[in-house]
Amino acid sequence: MDAAFSNPYEHHRLCQRTRARSRSMEKSLTEPEFAGAVSDAMPQLVAVARRLAGDDELAAEAVQNALLRASKSWRRFRGGAHVNTWLTKIVIHCVRDAISAQRRRTDRNHHYTSSPDDDGLSQQIEDPRRGPSQQALDRECRIAIQTAVRALPDRQREVFSLMVWQGMSARQVGQLLEINPQTVHANLHAARCRLRTILDPYVNDNRDANP
């Protein structure tokens, strides 16, 4: 082995054989396998799109476009990544495109036209142990959180949504966003600091309402 690596020509041939072997192990999807993979991944794809977009219509548009893109390119998939990861990456790119398109359409920088109440986070069941004024404050706080998250820079919003709301690890988020885990953690820290500043008044109001 040492002799092989000491000879540049032999080393080059070894690398070529290794790459060829790896390619031969990669397996293209069949149509039924692709359909099954999409069906299995759909709940996660929809959840990711809703969290990143913060808007059901944008999320639906992004998922539709992602499925269209995937349907055109799945035959070229060779197993370099897990199918779910590949599909989720496509959804993330489609969400970015949908947000950019809406910003151009609405001319309202970083604001969305739909009500924050459209998001599933706002539709949580109210705690019956809390009075009407406390429930109203809870709703206001949830809407404030969603609005604040939507106002984050794109990369911070993506990292925060995937890690905090989707429960993904820094490694998983790094794979999806094509950044290293250190950059993931840096963006998460920046997002939390920004959100803490924005939401501090609501947190204090909640403390005052619950002495």
Protein backbone atom coordinates (compact mmCIF):
# COMPACT_ATOMS: atom_id res chain seq x y z
CA MET A 1 0.00 0.00 0.00
CA ASP A 2 2.82 2.42 0.86
CA ALA A 3 4.44 1.65 -2.49
CA ALA A 4 1.21 2.36 -4.32
CA PHE A 5 0.85 5.76 -2.68
CA SER A 6 4.50 6.59 -3.30
CA ASN A 7 3.88 6.16 -7.03
CA PRO A 8 1.69 9.05 -8.34
CA TYR A 9 0.50 6.97 -11.30
CA GLU A 10 -0.59 4.06 -9.11
CA HIS A 11 -2.26 6.47 -6.70
CA HIS A 12 -4.20 8.02 -9.60
CA ARG A 13 -5.34 4.58 -10.80
CA LEU A 14 -6.42 3.62 -7.28
CA CYS A 15 -8.51 6.80 -6.99
CA GLN A 16 -10.12 6.08 -10.36
CA ARG A 17 -11.02 2.52 -9.31
CA THR A 18 -12.47 3.77 -6.02
CA ARG A 19 -14.63 6.35 -7.75
CA ALA A 20 -15.80 3.79 -10.32
CA ARG A 21 -16.70 1.35 -7.55
CA SER A 22 -18.65 4.06 -5.71
CA ARG A 23 -20.57 4.95 -8.85
CA SER A 24 -21.43 1.31 -9.49
CA MET A 25 -22.84 1.07 -5.96
CA GLU A 26 -25.08 4.06 -6.52
CA LYS A 27 -28.55 2.97 -7.52
CA SER A 28 -31.00 4.99 -9.57
CA LEU A 29 -34.59 5.13 -8.39
CA THR A 30 -37.39 3.30 -10.14
CA GLU A 31 -40.66 5.15 -10.71
CA PRO A 32 -42.53 3.26 -7.94
CA GLU A 33 -39.63 3.89 -5.55
CA PHE A 34 -39.71 7.59 -6.35
CA ALA A 35 -43.47 7.77 -5.84
CA GLY A 36 -43.15 5.93 -2.52
CA ALA A 37 -40.32 8.19 -1.38
CA VAL A 38 -42.37 11.31 -2.17
CA SER A 39 -45.39 9.90 -0.32
CA ASP A 40 -43.29 9.07 2.75
CA ALA A 41 -41.55 12.45 2.74
CA MET A 42 -44.65 14.57 2.11
CA PRO A 43 -45.52 15.34 5.78
CA GLN A 44 -41.98 16.57 6.42
CA LEU A 45 -41.86 18.53 3.15
CA VAL A 46 -45.11 20.32 3.95
CA ALA A 47 -44.02 21.02 7.54
CA VAL A 48 -40.66 22.42 6.43
CA ALA A 49 -42.29 24.58 3.75
CA ARG A 50 -44.88 25.98 6.19
CA ARG A 51 -42.26 26.80 8.80
CA LEU A 52 -39.86 28.42 6.37
CA ALA A 53 -42.52 30.33 4.44
CA GLY A 54 -44.70 31.26 7.41
CA ASP A 55 -47.65 31.24 5.04
CA ASP A 56 -49.81 28.34 3.87
CA GLU A 57 -50.27 29.64 0.32
CA LEU A 58 -46.55 30.22 -0.15
CA ALA A 59 -45.82 26.80 1.34
CA ALA A 60 -48.29 25.09 -1.02
CA GLU A 61 -46.78 26.93 -3.98
CA ALA A 62 -43.27 25.91 -2.92
CA VAL A 63 -44.17 22.24 -2.42
CA GLN A 64 -45.94 22.13 -5.78
CA ASN A 65 -42.92 23.62 -7.53
CA ALA A 66 -40.58 21.29 -5.64
CA LEU A 67 -42.54 18.21 -6.71
CA LEU A 68 -42.54 19.47 -10.29
CA ARG A 69 -38.76 19.92 -10.20
CA ALA A 70 -38.24 16.53 -8.57
CA SER A 71 -40.49 14.81 -11.12
CA LYS A 72 -38.30 16.19 -13.90
CA SER A 73 -34.99 15.19 -12.34
CA TRP A 74 -35.57 12.05 -10.24
CA ARG A 75 -34.17 9.78 -12.95
CA ARG A 76 -30.81 11.47 -12.47
CA PHE A 77 -30.84 10.77 -8.71
CA ARG A 78 -28.06 8.29 -7.92
CA GLY A 79 -28.25 7.95 -4.17
CA GLY A 80 -25.54 10.45 -3.32
CA ALA A 81 -27.86 11.65 -0.56
CA HIS A 82 -30.91 10.25 1.15
CA VAL A 83 -34.05 10.79 -0.93
CA ASN A 84 -35.70 12.77 1.90
CA THR A 85 -32.67 15.05 2.11
CA TRP A 86 -32.68 15.56 -1.66
CA LEU A 87 -36.41 16.39 -1.70
CA THR A 88 -36.14 18.69 1.32
CA LYS A 89 -33.31 20.62 -0.33
CA ILE A 90 -35.51 21.18 -3.36
CA VAL A 91 -38.35 22.40 -1.13
CA ILE A 92 -36.02 24.84 0.65
CA HIS A 93 -34.90 26.32 -2.68
CA CYS A 94 -38.52 26.58 -3.83
CA VAL A 95 -39.53 28.35 -0.62
CA ARG A 96 -36.75 30.87 -1.19
CA ASP A 97 -38.00 31.43 -4.74
CA ALA A 98 -41.61 31.80 -3.58
CA ILE A 99 -40.67 34.34 -0.90
CA SER A 100 -38.57 36.34 -3.36
CA ALA A 101 -41.38 36.32 -5.90
CA GLN A 102 -43.92 37.50 -3.35
CA ARG A 103 -41.64 40.28 -2.16
CA ARG A 104 -41.37 41.49 -5.72
CA ARG A 105 -45.13 41.24 -6.19
CA THR A 106 -46.18 42.99 -3.01
CA ASP A 107 -43.43 45.63 -2.75
CA ARG A 108 -43.55 45.18 1.02
CA ASN A 109 -40.06 44.30 2.07
CA HIS A 110 -39.93 41.29 4.42
CA HIS A 111 -43.68 41.39 5.17
CA TYR A 112 -46.22 38.82 4.08
CA THR A 113 -49.69 39.59 2.87
CA SER A 114 -51.51 36.84 4.74
CA SER A 115 -52.42 36.93 8.40
CA PRO A 116 -50.06 35.25 10.87
CA ASP A 117 -53.09 33.33 12.11
CA ASP A 118 -52.83 31.18 8.97
CA ASP A 119 -49.83 29.35 10.43
CA GLY A 120 -50.38 26.21 12.44
CA LEU A 121 -48.46 27.62 15.40
CA SER A 122 -51.25 30.17 15.98
CA GLN A 123 -53.94 27.52 15.89
CA GLN A 124 -52.92 25.79 19.08
CA ILE A 125 -55.65 24.76 21.49
CA GLU A 126 -56.16 27.35 24.19
CA ASP A 127 -55.37 26.33 27.76
CA PRO A 128 -58.76 26.34 29.57
CA ARG A 129 -56.99 27.03 32.87
CA ARG A 130 -56.01 30.48 31.64
CA GLY A 131 -58.56 33.29 31.63
CA PRO A 132 -59.74 35.15 28.52
CA SER A 133 -57.23 37.98 28.96
CA GLN A 134 -54.36 35.50 29.40
CA GLN A 135 -55.47 33.51 26.34
CA ALA A 136 -55.60 36.71 24.31
CA LEU A 137 -52.08 37.53 25.47
CA ASP A 138 -50.96 34.02 24.51
CA ARG A 139 -52.37 34.47 21.01
CA GLU A 140 -50.74 37.89 20.70
CA CYS A 141 -47.42 36.44 21.82
CA ARG A 142 -47.59 33.56 19.33
CA ILE A 143 -48.36 35.96 16.49
CA ALA A 144 -45.50 38.20 17.63
CA ILE A 145 -43.12 35.22 17.57
CA GLN A 146 -44.15 34.27 14.03
CA THR A 147 -43.88 37.86 12.82
CA ALA A 148 -40.46 38.21 14.42
CA VAL A 149 -39.24 34.95 12.87
CA ARG A 150 -40.46 36.08 9.45
CA ALA A 151 -38.50 39.30 9.83
CA LEU A 152 -35.21 37.44 10.40
CA PRO A 153 -32.61 37.41 7.62
CA ASP A 154 -33.28 34.47 5.33
CA ARG A 155 -30.45 32.22 6.53
CA GLN A 156 -31.22 32.87 10.21
CA ARG A 157 -34.92 32.17 9.62
CA GLU A 158 -34.13 28.90 7.87
CA VAL A 159 -31.71 27.72 10.57
CA PHE A 160 -34.05 28.72 13.42
CA SER A 161 -37.11 27.12 11.81
CA LEU A 162 -35.37 23.85 10.95
CA MET A 163 -33.61 23.45 14.30
CA VAL A 164 -36.18 24.83 16.75
CA TRP A 165 -39.47 23.99 15.06
CA GLN A 166 -38.46 20.91 13.05
CA GLY A 167 -36.07 19.53 15.68
CA MET A 168 -33.22 18.91 13.26
CA SER A 169 -29.59 18.68 14.33
CA ALA A 170 -26.90 21.15 13.26
CA ARG A 171 -25.44 18.45 11.01
CA GLN A 172 -28.79 17.84 9.29
CA VAL A 173 -29.43 21.56 8.82
CA GLY A 174 -25.90 22.00 7.50
CA GLN A 175 -26.49 19.29 4.91
CA LEU A 176 -29.76 20.85 3.79
CA LEU A 177 -28.47 24.43 3.61
CA GLU A 178 -25.00 23.36 2.42
CA ILE A 179 -23.15 25.13 5.24
CA ASN A 180 -20.94 23.76 8.01
CA PRO A 181 -22.28 23.10 11.54
CA GLN A 182 -20.32 26.03 12.97
CA THR A 183 -22.12 28.40 10.60
CA VAL A 184 -25.42 26.76 11.58
CA HIS A 185 -24.77 27.43 15.28
CA ALA A 186 -23.65 31.00 14.55
CA ASN A 187 -26.87 31.73 12.65
CA LEU A 188 -28.98 30.12 15.38
CA HIS A 189 -27.28 32.25 18.04
CA ALA A 190 -27.79 35.42 15.97
CA ALA A 191 -31.46 34.55 15.39
CA ARG A 192 -32.08 33.93 19.09
CA CYS A 193 -30.41 37.21 20.07
CA ARG A 194 -32.50 39.13 17.55
CA LEU A 195 -35.72 37.40 18.61
CA ARG A 196 -34.94 37.99 22.30
CA THR A 197 -34.65 41.72 21.65
CA ILE A 198 -37.84 41.88 19.60
CA LEU A 199 -39.92 39.72 21.94
CA ASP A 200 -38.68 41.05 25.28
CA PRO A 201 -41.73 43.36 25.73
CA TYR A 202 -44.12 40.43 25.24
CA VAL A 203 -42.18 38.25 27.67
CA ASN A 204 -42.31 40.98 30.31
CA ASP A 205 -46.05 41.50 29.74
CA ASN A 206 -46.58 37.76 30.19
CA ARG A 207 -44.63 37.83 33.46
CA ASP A 208 -46.76 40.74 34.68
CA ALA A 209 -49.91 38.81 33.80
CA ASN A 210 -48.67 35.79 35.77
CA PRO A 211 -47.33 37.12 39.09
